[in-house]
Amino acid sequence: MAGGGSKNGDYWPGFVDALTNVVIAMVFVIVVLAIALSFSAQMLAKRMAAKIAEQQAELGRARAAIAAPAAEKERLPAGAPLIESQAPQRTRIAVAGNEAALAASAASAKVKPAERFLQLDFAPGALTVDAAAAKALAGALQPLKQRLAESPSARLEIVAVGPEIHLSENQRAAFIRAMAVRNELLGQGIAGDRLVTRIDMKASAAAPAVAVRLGDKP
């Protein structure tokens, strides 16, 4: 009887050892998880700080880009909707859109014909090409139409850009503006197969615009 009781009492040390090993293993796993979470939090904080710094830099560049055209506009006559670039082969046309009231002097404004590149600068909220901008576009388009006639492989690329173009709402607005310009070019007699329309997702622009430039078919 005594021997049997002694044997039954030998199970307790083994149980204690097993329980101790389980507790040690759980503590080890908890320590590893805590270290992993701490490392992940540090990495996430670094990424967020880098993203904030990048956004601040883009905001600074956008403000500088907005300030430069504003200073240039002050030198133009009041109500003049068309802005001409000093670059010899580049023409810029301001588009007020049919959504806004047109200035009285807009119809008499003129631009130089574009040799290879012209840009339509849309007013904030404008999605269509107003009559004054369409008239200026027709006048600036003649050299490009002549180049299309001379070169069968040439084409006109219609590229829409805008601020925060990564947002789906801004992408839809950019597409509408690009199609409005495309319709104007079709109305000027340019065949649809000579036109390529796209949205530039990588360009950072301070204001909405649509570029029309001469290129070659792929």
N, C-alpha and C. Protein backbone atom coordinates (compact mmCIF):
# COMPACT_ATOMS: atom_id res chain seq x y z
N MET A 1 0.82 -1.21 0.00
CA MET A 1 0.00 0.00 0.00
C MET A 1 0.85 1.26 0.00
N ALA A 2 1.89 1.22 0.87
CA ALA A 2 2.76 2.39 0.93
C ALA A 2 3.50 2.59 -0.37
N GLY A 3 3.93 1.44 -0.96
CA GLY A 3 4.65 1.55 -2.24
C GLY A 3 3.77 2.12 -3.32
N GLY A 4 2.50 1.71 -3.33
CA GLY A 4 1.59 2.23 -4.34
C GLY A 4 1.37 3.72 -4.20
N GLY A 5 1.24 4.21 -2.96
CA GLY A 5 1.06 5.66 -2.76
C GLY A 5 2.27 6.43 -3.19
N SER A 6 3.46 5.87 -2.97
CA SER A 6 4.69 6.55 -3.38
C SER A 6 4.77 6.69 -4.88
N LYS A 7 4.33 5.64 -5.59
CA LYS A 7 4.36 5.73 -7.06
C LYS A 7 3.38 6.76 -7.59
N ASN A 8 2.19 6.83 -6.99
CA ASN A 8 1.20 7.82 -7.44
C ASN A 8 1.69 9.24 -7.21
N GLY A 9 2.47 9.49 -6.18
CA GLY A 9 2.97 10.84 -5.91
C GLY A 9 4.04 11.28 -6.86
N ASP A 10 4.64 10.38 -7.67
CA ASP A 10 5.71 10.75 -8.59
C ASP A 10 5.20 11.49 -9.83
N TYR A 11 3.89 11.49 -10.10
CA TYR A 11 3.35 12.17 -11.27
C TYR A 11 3.37 13.69 -11.12
N TRP A 12 3.32 14.19 -9.93
CA TRP A 12 3.22 15.64 -9.71
C TRP A 12 4.44 16.41 -10.21
N PRO A 13 5.66 15.98 -9.95
CA PRO A 13 6.82 16.73 -10.49
C PRO A 13 6.81 16.79 -12.02
N GLY A 14 6.40 15.70 -12.67
CA GLY A 14 6.34 15.72 -14.13
C GLY A 14 5.30 16.71 -14.65
N PHE A 15 4.15 16.80 -13.97
CA PHE A 15 3.12 17.75 -14.36
C PHE A 15 3.61 19.19 -14.21
N VAL A 16 4.31 19.43 -13.09
CA VAL A 16 4.84 20.78 -12.85
C VAL A 16 5.86 21.15 -13.93
N ASP A 17 6.72 20.20 -14.30
CA ASP A 17 7.72 20.47 -15.34
C ASP A 17 7.05 20.78 -16.69
N ALA A 18 6.02 20.00 -17.03
CA ALA A 18 5.32 20.23 -18.30
C ALA A 18 4.64 21.59 -18.31
N LEU A 19 3.97 21.94 -17.20
CA LEU A 19 3.29 23.22 -17.12
C LEU A 19 4.28 24.38 -17.20
N THR A 20 5.44 24.20 -16.55
CA THR A 20 6.47 25.23 -16.61
C THR A 20 6.98 25.45 -18.03
N ASN A 21 7.18 24.35 -18.75
CA ASN A 21 7.64 24.46 -20.15
C ASN A 21 6.62 25.17 -21.04
N VAL A 22 5.32 24.89 -20.80
CA VAL A 22 4.27 25.55 -21.58
C VAL A 22 4.25 27.05 -21.31
N VAL A 23 4.38 27.42 -20.02
CA VAL A 23 4.38 28.83 -19.67
C VAL A 23 5.58 29.54 -20.28
N ILE A 24 6.76 28.91 -20.22
CA ILE A 24 7.96 29.51 -20.80
C ILE A 24 7.79 29.70 -22.31
N ALA A 25 7.20 28.72 -22.99
CA ALA A 25 6.99 28.82 -24.43
C ALA A 25 6.02 29.96 -24.76
N MET A 26 4.95 30.10 -23.97
CA MET A 26 3.98 31.18 -24.20
C MET A 26 4.63 32.55 -23.98
N VAL A 27 5.45 32.65 -22.94
CA VAL A 27 6.14 33.92 -22.69
C VAL A 27 7.07 34.26 -23.84
N PHE A 28 7.76 33.26 -24.38
CA PHE A 28 8.67 33.48 -25.51
C PHE A 28 7.90 33.98 -26.74
N VAL A 29 6.73 33.35 -27.01
CA VAL A 29 5.92 33.76 -28.16
C VAL A 29 5.42 35.19 -27.98
N ILE A 30 4.99 35.53 -26.75
CA ILE A 30 4.49 36.88 -26.49
C ILE A 30 5.60 37.91 -26.69
N VAL A 31 6.82 37.58 -26.24
CA VAL A 31 7.95 38.50 -26.41
C VAL A 31 8.25 38.72 -27.89
N VAL A 32 8.24 37.63 -28.66
CA VAL A 32 8.50 37.74 -30.10
C VAL A 32 7.44 38.59 -30.78
N LEU A 33 6.16 38.38 -30.42
CA LEU A 33 5.08 39.19 -31.01
C LEU A 33 5.22 40.66 -30.65
N ALA A 34 5.60 40.93 -29.40
CA ALA A 34 5.77 42.32 -28.98
C ALA A 34 6.89 43.01 -29.77
N ILE A 35 7.98 42.28 -29.99
CA ILE A 35 9.09 42.85 -30.77
C ILE A 35 8.66 43.10 -32.21
N ALA A 36 7.92 42.14 -32.78
CA ALA A 36 7.46 42.29 -34.17
C ALA A 36 6.51 43.48 -34.31
N LEU A 37 5.59 43.65 -33.36
CA LEU A 37 4.67 44.78 -33.41
C LEU A 37 5.40 46.11 -33.25
N SER A 38 6.39 46.14 -32.39
CA SER A 38 7.16 47.37 -32.22
C SER A 38 7.91 47.74 -33.50
N PHE A 39 8.50 46.75 -34.16
CA PHE A 39 9.22 46.99 -35.41
C PHE A 39 8.27 47.46 -36.50
N SER A 40 7.07 46.83 -36.58
CA SER A 40 6.10 47.23 -37.59
C SER A 40 5.61 48.65 -37.36
N ALA A 41 5.40 49.02 -36.10
CA ALA A 41 4.95 50.38 -35.80
C ALA A 41 6.00 51.40 -36.20
N GLN A 42 7.29 51.09 -35.97
CA GLN A 42 8.35 52.01 -36.36
C GLN A 42 8.41 52.18 -37.88
N MET A 43 8.29 51.07 -38.61
CA MET A 43 8.31 51.14 -40.07
C MET A 43 7.12 51.95 -40.60
N LEU A 44 5.93 51.74 -40.02
CA LEU A 44 4.75 52.47 -40.45
C LEU A 44 4.90 53.97 -40.17
N ALA A 45 5.47 54.30 -39.02
CA ALA A 45 5.67 55.72 -38.69
C ALA A 45 6.64 56.37 -39.67
N LYS A 46 7.71 55.65 -40.05
CA LYS A 46 8.65 56.21 -41.02
C LYS A 46 7.99 56.44 -42.37
N ARG A 47 7.17 55.49 -42.81
CA ARG A 47 6.50 55.63 -44.10
C ARG A 47 5.52 56.80 -44.08
N MET A 48 4.77 56.94 -42.99
CA MET A 48 3.84 58.05 -42.89
C MET A 48 4.56 59.39 -42.88
N ALA A 49 5.70 59.46 -42.18
CA ALA A 49 6.47 60.71 -42.16
C ALA A 49 6.99 61.05 -43.55
N ALA A 50 7.47 60.02 -44.29
CA ALA A 50 7.97 60.27 -45.65
C ALA A 50 6.84 60.72 -46.57
N LYS A 51 5.66 60.11 -46.42
CA LYS A 51 4.52 60.49 -47.26
C LYS A 51 4.08 61.92 -46.97
N ILE A 52 4.05 62.29 -45.69
CA ILE A 52 3.66 63.65 -45.32
C ILE A 52 4.66 64.66 -45.89
N ALA A 53 5.94 64.33 -45.80
CA ALA A 53 6.96 65.23 -46.34
C ALA A 53 6.82 65.37 -47.85
N GLU A 54 6.50 64.27 -48.54
CA GLU A 54 6.33 64.33 -49.99
C GLU A 54 5.11 65.17 -50.36
N GLN A 55 4.00 65.01 -49.61
CA GLN A 55 2.81 65.80 -49.88
C GLN A 55 3.06 67.29 -49.65
N GLN A 56 3.82 67.61 -48.60
CA GLN A 56 4.14 69.01 -48.35
C GLN A 56 5.00 69.59 -49.46
N ALA A 57 5.95 68.77 -49.97
CA ALA A 57 6.78 69.25 -51.08
C ALA A 57 5.94 69.49 -52.33
N GLU A 58 5.01 68.57 -52.63
CA GLU A 58 4.14 68.76 -53.79
C GLU A 58 3.26 69.99 -53.62
N LEU A 59 2.78 70.22 -52.39
CA LEU A 59 1.96 71.41 -52.14
C LEU A 59 2.76 72.68 -52.37
N GLY A 60 4.03 72.67 -51.95
CA GLY A 60 4.87 73.84 -52.18
C GLY A 60 5.10 74.09 -53.66
N ARG A 61 5.34 73.01 -54.42
CA ARG A 61 5.53 73.18 -55.86
C ARG A 61 4.25 73.68 -56.53
N ALA A 62 3.10 73.16 -56.07
CA ALA A 62 1.83 73.60 -56.66
C ALA A 62 1.58 75.07 -56.38
N ARG A 63 1.88 75.53 -55.16
CA ARG A 63 1.69 76.94 -54.84
C ARG A 63 2.60 77.82 -55.67
N ALA A 64 3.85 77.36 -55.87
CA ALA A 64 4.77 78.15 -56.69
C ALA A 64 4.30 78.22 -58.14
N ALA A 65 3.74 77.08 -58.64
CA ALA A 65 3.25 77.07 -60.02
C ALA A 65 2.03 77.97 -60.17
N ILE A 66 1.19 78.05 -59.12
CA ILE A 66 0.02 78.91 -59.19
C ILE A 66 0.41 80.38 -59.11
N ALA A 67 1.43 80.69 -58.30
CA ALA A 67 1.84 82.08 -58.13
C ALA A 67 2.45 82.65 -59.40
N ALA A 68 3.18 81.82 -60.17
CA ALA A 68 3.83 82.31 -61.38
C ALA A 68 2.83 82.75 -62.45
N PRO A 69 1.81 81.92 -62.80
CA PRO A 69 0.83 82.41 -63.78
C PRO A 69 0.04 83.60 -63.28
N ALA A 70 -0.21 83.67 -61.96
CA ALA A 70 -0.97 84.81 -61.43
C ALA A 70 -0.22 86.12 -61.66
N ALA A 71 1.11 86.09 -61.46
CA ALA A 71 1.91 87.30 -61.69
C ALA A 71 1.92 87.66 -63.17
N GLU A 72 1.90 86.65 -64.02
CA GLU A 72 1.91 86.93 -65.47
C GLU A 72 0.57 87.49 -65.93
N LYS A 73 -0.53 87.00 -65.32
CA LYS A 73 -1.85 87.47 -65.72
C LYS A 73 -2.05 88.94 -65.39
N GLU A 74 -1.38 89.43 -64.36
CA GLU A 74 -1.55 90.83 -63.98
C GLU A 74 -1.06 91.78 -65.07
N ARG A 75 -0.19 91.30 -65.94
CA ARG A 75 0.32 92.15 -67.01
C ARG A 75 -0.58 92.15 -68.24
N LEU A 76 -1.61 91.29 -68.27
CA LEU A 76 -2.50 91.21 -69.42
C LEU A 76 -3.67 92.16 -69.25
N PRO A 77 -4.31 92.59 -70.34
CA PRO A 77 -5.49 93.45 -70.24
C PRO A 77 -6.61 92.74 -69.50
N ALA A 78 -7.42 93.50 -68.81
CA ALA A 78 -8.50 92.91 -68.03
C ALA A 78 -9.48 92.20 -68.95
N GLY A 79 -9.84 90.99 -68.57
CA GLY A 79 -10.81 90.21 -69.34
C GLY A 79 -10.21 89.42 -70.48
N ALA A 80 -8.92 89.55 -70.75
CA ALA A 80 -8.31 88.79 -71.85
C ALA A 80 -8.18 87.34 -71.44
N PRO A 81 -8.84 86.39 -72.16
CA PRO A 81 -8.84 85.00 -71.73
C PRO A 81 -7.69 84.19 -72.27
N LEU A 82 -6.89 84.75 -73.18
CA LEU A 82 -5.88 83.98 -73.86
C LEU A 82 -4.50 84.37 -73.36
N ILE A 83 -3.68 83.35 -73.09
CA ILE A 83 -2.33 83.56 -72.58
C ILE A 83 -1.36 82.95 -73.59
N GLU A 84 -0.38 83.72 -74.02
CA GLU A 84 0.60 83.24 -74.98
C GLU A 84 1.92 82.97 -74.28
N SER A 85 2.48 81.81 -74.54
CA SER A 85 3.77 81.48 -73.98
C SER A 85 4.87 82.12 -74.81
N GLN A 86 6.01 82.39 -74.17
CA GLN A 86 7.13 82.97 -74.89
C GLN A 86 7.88 81.94 -75.73
N ALA A 87 7.61 80.65 -75.50
CA ALA A 87 8.25 79.60 -76.28
C ALA A 87 7.77 79.70 -77.73
N PRO A 88 8.66 79.65 -78.73
CA PRO A 88 8.27 79.90 -80.12
C PRO A 88 7.36 78.84 -80.70
N GLN A 89 7.45 77.58 -80.22
CA GLN A 89 6.65 76.51 -80.79
C GLN A 89 5.53 76.07 -79.86
N ARG A 90 5.16 76.90 -78.93
CA ARG A 90 4.13 76.52 -77.97
C ARG A 90 3.10 77.64 -77.84
N THR A 91 1.83 77.28 -77.91
CA THR A 91 0.75 78.24 -77.78
C THR A 91 -0.17 77.78 -76.67
N ARG A 92 -0.59 78.72 -75.82
CA ARG A 92 -1.50 78.40 -74.72
C ARG A 92 -2.80 79.17 -74.90
N ILE A 93 -3.91 78.49 -74.70
CA ILE A 93 -5.24 79.06 -74.86
C ILE A 93 -6.00 78.86 -73.55
N ALA A 94 -6.51 79.94 -72.99
CA ALA A 94 -7.30 79.86 -71.77
C ALA A 94 -8.74 79.51 -72.13
N VAL A 95 -9.32 78.58 -71.40
CA VAL A 95 -10.68 78.12 -71.66
C VAL A 95 -11.54 78.47 -70.45
N ALA A 96 -12.48 79.40 -70.65
CA ALA A 96 -13.39 79.76 -69.57
C ALA A 96 -14.49 78.74 -69.40
N GLY A 97 -14.82 78.03 -70.48
CA GLY A 97 -15.88 77.03 -70.42
C GLY A 97 -17.25 77.66 -70.54
N ASN A 98 -18.19 76.89 -71.04
CA ASN A 98 -19.56 77.38 -71.14
C ASN A 98 -20.24 77.44 -69.79
N GLU A 99 -19.56 76.89 -68.75
CA GLU A 99 -20.13 76.95 -67.41
C GLU A 99 -19.98 78.33 -66.78
N ALA A 100 -19.07 79.17 -67.32
CA ALA A 100 -18.82 80.50 -66.75
C ALA A 100 -19.21 81.57 -67.76
N ALA A 101 -19.48 82.77 -67.28
CA ALA A 101 -19.81 83.89 -68.16
C ALA A 101 -18.56 84.36 -68.87
N LEU A 102 -18.67 84.63 -70.18
CA LEU A 102 -17.52 85.05 -70.97
C LEU A 102 -17.34 86.55 -70.87
N ALA A 103 -16.08 86.97 -70.91
CA ALA A 103 -15.79 88.40 -70.90
C ALA A 103 -16.17 89.01 -72.24
N ALA A 104 -16.48 90.31 -72.22
CA ALA A 104 -16.95 90.97 -73.44
C ALA A 104 -15.85 91.03 -74.49
N SER A 105 -14.59 91.13 -74.06
CA SER A 105 -13.49 91.26 -75.01
C SER A 105 -12.93 89.93 -75.43
N ALA A 106 -13.52 88.81 -75.00
CA ALA A 106 -12.95 87.50 -75.29
C ALA A 106 -12.99 87.18 -76.77
N ALA A 107 -14.03 87.62 -77.47
CA ALA A 107 -14.18 87.24 -78.87
C ALA A 107 -13.12 87.86 -79.75
N SER A 108 -12.54 88.98 -79.34
CA SER A 108 -11.56 89.67 -80.18
C SER A 108 -10.13 89.27 -79.84
N ALA A 109 -9.91 88.38 -78.86
CA ALA A 109 -8.56 87.98 -78.48
C ALA A 109 -7.97 87.06 -79.54
N LYS A 110 -6.65 87.12 -79.71
CA LYS A 110 -5.97 86.33 -80.73
C LYS A 110 -4.76 85.62 -80.12
N VAL A 111 -4.35 84.54 -80.77
CA VAL A 111 -3.15 83.82 -80.36
C VAL A 111 -2.33 83.53 -81.60
N LYS A 112 -1.06 83.24 -81.40
CA LYS A 112 -0.19 82.88 -82.51
C LYS A 112 -0.43 81.41 -82.88
N PRO A 113 -0.32 81.07 -84.16
CA PRO A 113 -0.47 79.67 -84.56
C PRO A 113 0.60 78.80 -83.91
N ALA A 114 0.21 77.59 -83.55
CA ALA A 114 1.13 76.67 -82.88
C ALA A 114 1.85 75.83 -83.93
N GLU A 115 3.17 75.71 -83.79
CA GLU A 115 3.96 74.90 -84.72
C GLU A 115 3.89 73.40 -84.38
N ARG A 116 4.04 73.06 -83.10
CA ARG A 116 4.04 71.66 -82.72
C ARG A 116 3.23 71.38 -81.45
N PHE A 117 2.91 72.40 -80.69
CA PHE A 117 2.34 72.17 -79.36
C PHE A 117 1.42 73.33 -78.98
N LEU A 118 0.24 73.02 -78.51
CA LEU A 118 -0.61 74.05 -77.94
C LEU A 118 -1.29 73.48 -76.69
N GLN A 119 -1.63 74.36 -75.78
CA GLN A 119 -2.19 73.94 -74.50
C GLN A 119 -3.42 74.76 -74.18
N LEU A 120 -4.49 74.10 -73.79
CA LEU A 120 -5.72 74.76 -73.40
C LEU A 120 -5.79 74.74 -71.88
N ASP A 121 -5.70 75.91 -71.25
CA ASP A 121 -5.76 76.03 -69.80
C ASP A 121 -7.21 76.26 -69.38
N PHE A 122 -7.79 75.27 -68.72
CA PHE A 122 -9.18 75.33 -68.32
C PHE A 122 -9.32 76.06 -67.00
N ALA A 123 -10.35 76.87 -66.90
CA ALA A 123 -10.67 77.52 -65.63
C ALA A 123 -11.17 76.47 -64.64
N PRO A 124 -11.02 76.72 -63.34
CA PRO A 124 -11.52 75.76 -62.35
C PRO A 124 -13.02 75.50 -62.54
N GLY A 125 -13.39 74.25 -62.66
CA GLY A 125 -14.79 73.89 -62.85
C GLY A 125 -15.23 73.84 -64.29
N ALA A 126 -14.42 74.31 -65.24
CA ALA A 126 -14.79 74.30 -66.66
C ALA A 126 -14.56 72.91 -67.24
N LEU A 127 -15.55 72.40 -67.97
CA LEU A 127 -15.47 71.08 -68.59
C LEU A 127 -15.66 71.15 -70.10
N THR A 128 -16.13 72.27 -70.62
CA THR A 128 -16.40 72.41 -72.05
C THR A 128 -15.56 73.54 -72.63
N VAL A 129 -15.48 73.57 -73.95
CA VAL A 129 -14.71 74.60 -74.66
C VAL A 129 -15.68 75.71 -75.08
N ASP A 130 -15.47 76.91 -74.58
CA ASP A 130 -16.36 78.02 -74.91
C ASP A 130 -16.07 78.53 -76.32
N ALA A 131 -16.93 79.43 -76.81
CA ALA A 131 -16.83 79.90 -78.19
C ALA A 131 -15.53 80.65 -78.44
N ALA A 132 -15.10 81.49 -77.49
CA ALA A 132 -13.86 82.25 -77.69
C ALA A 132 -12.66 81.32 -77.77
N ALA A 133 -12.61 80.32 -76.89
CA ALA A 133 -11.50 79.37 -76.92
C ALA A 133 -11.53 78.52 -78.19
N ALA A 134 -12.74 78.15 -78.65
CA ALA A 134 -12.85 77.36 -79.88
C ALA A 134 -12.34 78.17 -81.08
N LYS A 135 -12.66 79.47 -81.12
CA LYS A 135 -12.18 80.32 -82.21
C LYS A 135 -10.66 80.45 -82.18
N ALA A 136 -10.09 80.63 -80.97
CA ALA A 136 -8.64 80.71 -80.86
C ALA A 136 -7.98 79.40 -81.24
N LEU A 137 -8.63 78.28 -80.86
CA LEU A 137 -8.09 76.97 -81.22
C LEU A 137 -8.06 76.77 -82.72
N ALA A 138 -9.11 77.21 -83.41
CA ALA A 138 -9.15 77.07 -84.87
C ALA A 138 -8.02 77.86 -85.52
N GLY A 139 -7.73 79.05 -85.01
CA GLY A 139 -6.65 79.84 -85.59
C GLY A 139 -5.27 79.27 -85.31
N ALA A 140 -5.08 78.72 -84.12
CA ALA A 140 -3.77 78.18 -83.75
C ALA A 140 -3.51 76.81 -84.34
N LEU A 141 -4.55 76.18 -84.88
CA LEU A 141 -4.44 74.80 -85.32
C LEU A 141 -3.94 74.66 -86.75
N GLN A 142 -3.91 75.73 -87.52
CA GLN A 142 -3.59 75.62 -88.93
C GLN A 142 -2.22 74.98 -89.20
N PRO A 143 -1.12 75.39 -88.53
CA PRO A 143 0.16 74.73 -88.79
C PRO A 143 0.15 73.24 -88.47
N LEU A 144 -0.57 72.85 -87.41
CA LEU A 144 -0.64 71.44 -87.07
C LEU A 144 -1.43 70.66 -88.12
N LYS A 145 -2.49 71.24 -88.63
CA LYS A 145 -3.26 70.57 -89.69
C LYS A 145 -2.41 70.42 -90.94
N GLN A 146 -1.60 71.42 -91.23
CA GLN A 146 -0.73 71.32 -92.41
C GLN A 146 0.30 70.21 -92.23
N ARG A 147 0.85 70.08 -91.04
CA ARG A 147 1.82 69.00 -90.80
C ARG A 147 1.15 67.64 -90.89
N LEU A 148 -0.08 67.53 -90.43
CA LEU A 148 -0.80 66.26 -90.58
C LEU A 148 -1.02 65.92 -92.04
N ALA A 149 -1.32 66.93 -92.85
CA ALA A 149 -1.53 66.69 -94.27
C ALA A 149 -0.23 66.29 -94.97
N GLU A 150 0.90 66.84 -94.52
CA GLU A 150 2.18 66.54 -95.15
C GLU A 150 2.74 65.18 -94.74
N SER A 151 2.41 64.71 -93.54
CA SER A 151 2.98 63.46 -93.03
C SER A 151 1.86 62.48 -92.68
N PRO A 152 1.70 61.40 -93.46
CA PRO A 152 0.64 60.43 -93.15
C PRO A 152 0.85 59.72 -91.81
N SER A 153 2.09 59.66 -91.32
CA SER A 153 2.36 58.97 -90.05
C SER A 153 2.17 59.87 -88.84
N ALA A 154 1.93 61.14 -89.06
CA ALA A 154 1.78 62.07 -87.94
C ALA A 154 0.41 61.93 -87.31
N ARG A 155 0.32 62.30 -86.07
CA ARG A 155 -0.94 62.29 -85.36
C ARG A 155 -0.93 63.41 -84.32
N LEU A 156 -2.09 63.71 -83.78
CA LEU A 156 -2.21 64.69 -82.71
C LEU A 156 -2.55 63.97 -81.41
N GLU A 157 -1.73 64.19 -80.40
CA GLU A 157 -1.96 63.59 -79.09
C GLU A 157 -2.70 64.60 -78.20
N ILE A 158 -3.83 64.18 -77.67
CA ILE A 158 -4.62 65.00 -76.75
C ILE A 158 -4.38 64.45 -75.35
N VAL A 159 -3.68 65.22 -74.52
CA VAL A 159 -3.27 64.74 -73.19
C VAL A 159 -3.88 65.66 -72.14
N ALA A 160 -4.68 65.09 -71.25
CA ALA A 160 -5.32 65.86 -70.18
C ALA A 160 -4.54 65.70 -68.89
N VAL A 161 -4.33 66.80 -68.19
CA VAL A 161 -3.66 66.80 -66.89
C VAL A 161 -4.50 67.62 -65.91
N GLY A 162 -4.15 67.53 -64.63
CA GLY A 162 -4.89 68.29 -63.63
C GLY A 162 -4.34 68.05 -62.25
N PRO A 163 -4.78 68.83 -61.28
CA PRO A 163 -4.33 68.63 -59.90
C PRO A 163 -4.95 67.39 -59.28
N GLU A 164 -4.17 66.69 -58.48
CA GLU A 164 -4.64 65.48 -57.77
C GLU A 164 -5.33 64.53 -58.74
N ILE A 165 -4.63 64.23 -59.84
CA ILE A 165 -5.21 63.41 -60.90
C ILE A 165 -5.41 61.96 -60.45
N HIS A 166 -4.81 61.58 -59.30
CA HIS A 166 -4.99 60.22 -58.82
C HIS A 166 -6.40 59.98 -58.29
N LEU A 167 -7.15 61.04 -58.01
CA LEU A 167 -8.52 60.90 -57.54
C LEU A 167 -9.45 60.57 -58.72
N SER A 168 -10.37 59.64 -58.51
CA SER A 168 -11.24 59.20 -59.60
C SER A 168 -12.13 60.33 -60.11
N GLU A 169 -12.57 61.22 -59.21
CA GLU A 169 -13.41 62.34 -59.64
C GLU A 169 -12.66 63.27 -60.58
N ASN A 170 -11.39 63.55 -60.27
CA ASN A 170 -10.58 64.41 -61.14
C ASN A 170 -10.25 63.72 -62.46
N GLN A 171 -10.11 62.40 -62.42
CA GLN A 171 -9.87 61.66 -63.66
C GLN A 171 -11.07 61.75 -64.59
N ARG A 172 -12.26 61.64 -64.04
CA ARG A 172 -13.47 61.77 -64.88
C ARG A 172 -13.57 63.17 -65.48
N ALA A 173 -13.26 64.21 -64.68
CA ALA A 173 -13.30 65.57 -65.21
C ALA A 173 -12.26 65.77 -66.30
N ALA A 174 -11.05 65.21 -66.10
CA ALA A 174 -10.00 65.33 -67.11
C ALA A 174 -10.42 64.63 -68.40
N PHE A 175 -11.08 63.48 -68.29
CA PHE A 175 -11.54 62.77 -69.49
C PHE A 175 -12.59 63.58 -70.24
N ILE A 176 -13.50 64.22 -69.50
CA ILE A 176 -14.53 65.05 -70.14
C ILE A 176 -13.89 66.21 -70.88
N ARG A 177 -12.89 66.86 -70.26
CA ARG A 177 -12.22 67.98 -70.93
C ARG A 177 -11.48 67.50 -72.18
N ALA A 178 -10.81 66.34 -72.08
CA ALA A 178 -10.09 65.81 -73.24
C ALA A 178 -11.05 65.50 -74.39
N MET A 179 -12.21 64.93 -74.08
CA MET A 179 -13.18 64.62 -75.12
C MET A 179 -13.78 65.89 -75.72
N ALA A 180 -13.93 66.94 -74.89
CA ALA A 180 -14.43 68.21 -75.43
C ALA A 180 -13.45 68.79 -76.44
N VAL A 181 -12.15 68.72 -76.14
CA VAL A 181 -11.14 69.19 -77.08
C VAL A 181 -11.12 68.30 -78.33
N ARG A 182 -11.26 67.01 -78.14
CA ARG A 182 -11.29 66.09 -79.29
C ARG A 182 -12.45 66.41 -80.21
N ASN A 183 -13.61 66.69 -79.64
CA ASN A 183 -14.77 67.04 -80.47
C ASN A 183 -14.51 68.32 -81.26
N GLU A 184 -13.83 69.28 -80.65
CA GLU A 184 -13.49 70.52 -81.36
C GLU A 184 -12.55 70.23 -82.53
N LEU A 185 -11.58 69.33 -82.31
CA LEU A 185 -10.65 68.99 -83.38
C LEU A 185 -11.36 68.24 -84.50
N LEU A 186 -12.29 67.37 -84.14
CA LEU A 186 -13.08 66.69 -85.17
C LEU A 186 -13.90 67.69 -85.96
N GLY A 187 -14.43 68.71 -85.28
CA GLY A 187 -15.17 69.75 -85.98
C GLY A 187 -14.30 70.59 -86.89
N GLN A 188 -12.99 70.60 -86.63
CA GLN A 188 -12.06 71.33 -87.50
C GLN A 188 -11.62 70.49 -88.70
N GLY A 189 -12.19 69.30 -88.84
CA GLY A 189 -11.91 68.48 -90.01
C GLY A 189 -10.79 67.47 -89.84
N ILE A 190 -10.30 67.27 -88.63
CA ILE A 190 -9.25 66.28 -88.39
C ILE A 190 -9.89 64.92 -88.19
N ALA A 191 -9.40 63.91 -88.91
CA ALA A 191 -9.97 62.58 -88.83
C ALA A 191 -9.74 61.97 -87.45
N GLY A 192 -10.69 61.15 -87.03
CA GLY A 192 -10.59 60.54 -85.71
C GLY A 192 -9.40 59.61 -85.55
N ASP A 193 -8.97 58.94 -86.66
CA ASP A 193 -7.83 58.04 -86.55
C ASP A 193 -6.50 58.77 -86.46
N ARG A 194 -6.52 60.10 -86.63
CA ARG A 194 -5.29 60.89 -86.47
C ARG A 194 -5.20 61.49 -85.07
N LEU A 195 -6.16 61.15 -84.19
CA LEU A 195 -6.21 61.70 -82.84
C LEU A 195 -6.03 60.58 -81.81
N VAL A 196 -5.23 60.86 -80.81
CA VAL A 196 -5.02 59.93 -79.69
C VAL A 196 -5.32 60.69 -78.39
N THR A 197 -6.23 60.16 -77.60
CA THR A 197 -6.66 60.84 -76.37
C THR A 197 -6.27 60.01 -75.16
N ARG A 198 -5.69 60.67 -74.16
CA ARG A 198 -5.33 59.97 -72.93
C ARG A 198 -5.22 60.96 -71.78
N ILE A 199 -5.16 60.41 -70.56
CA ILE A 199 -4.96 61.19 -69.34
C ILE A 199 -3.57 60.87 -68.79
N ASP A 200 -2.79 61.89 -68.52
CA ASP A 200 -1.45 61.71 -67.97
C ASP A 200 -1.57 61.56 -66.45
N MET A 201 -1.39 60.32 -65.96
CA MET A 201 -1.55 60.05 -64.54
C MET A 201 -0.30 60.42 -63.74
N LYS A 202 0.82 60.68 -64.42
CA LYS A 202 2.06 60.96 -63.71
C LYS A 202 2.37 62.45 -63.62
N ALA A 203 1.79 63.25 -64.50
CA ALA A 203 2.09 64.69 -64.50
C ALA A 203 1.43 65.37 -63.31
N SER A 204 2.15 66.26 -62.67
CA SER A 204 1.63 67.04 -61.55
C SER A 204 1.35 68.45 -62.05
N ALA A 205 0.06 68.81 -62.14
CA ALA A 205 -0.34 70.11 -62.67
C ALA A 205 -1.08 70.89 -61.59
N ALA A 206 -0.83 72.18 -61.54
CA ALA A 206 -1.50 73.02 -60.55
C ALA A 206 -2.92 73.38 -60.97
N ALA A 207 -3.21 73.31 -62.27
CA ALA A 207 -4.54 73.66 -62.77
C ALA A 207 -4.89 72.70 -63.91
N PRO A 208 -6.17 72.48 -64.17
CA PRO A 208 -6.56 71.58 -65.25
C PRO A 208 -6.17 72.14 -66.62
N ALA A 209 -5.70 71.26 -67.49
CA ALA A 209 -5.28 71.68 -68.83
C ALA A 209 -5.34 70.49 -69.77
N VAL A 210 -5.42 70.78 -71.05
CA VAL A 210 -5.38 69.76 -72.09
C VAL A 210 -4.36 70.19 -73.14
N ALA A 211 -3.37 69.34 -73.38
CA ALA A 211 -2.33 69.63 -74.36
C ALA A 211 -2.65 68.94 -75.68
N VAL A 212 -2.36 69.62 -76.78
CA VAL A 212 -2.49 69.05 -78.13
C VAL A 212 -1.12 69.17 -78.77
N ARG A 213 -0.47 68.04 -79.02
CA ARG A 213 0.89 68.09 -79.54
C ARG A 213 1.05 67.11 -80.70
N LEU A 214 2.00 67.43 -81.55
CA LEU A 214 2.26 66.62 -82.73
C LEU A 214 3.12 65.43 -82.38
N GLY A 215 2.73 64.25 -82.87
CA GLY A 215 3.49 63.04 -82.62
C GLY A 215 3.42 62.13 -83.83
N ASP A 216 3.96 60.91 -83.68
CA ASP A 216 3.94 59.93 -84.75
C ASP A 216 3.15 58.71 -84.32
N LYS A 217 2.56 58.05 -85.28
CA LYS A 217 1.81 56.82 -84.99
C LYS A 217 2.79 55.73 -84.59
N PRO A 218 2.39 54.89 -83.60
CA PRO A 218 3.29 53.81 -83.17
C PRO A 218 3.43 52.74 -84.24
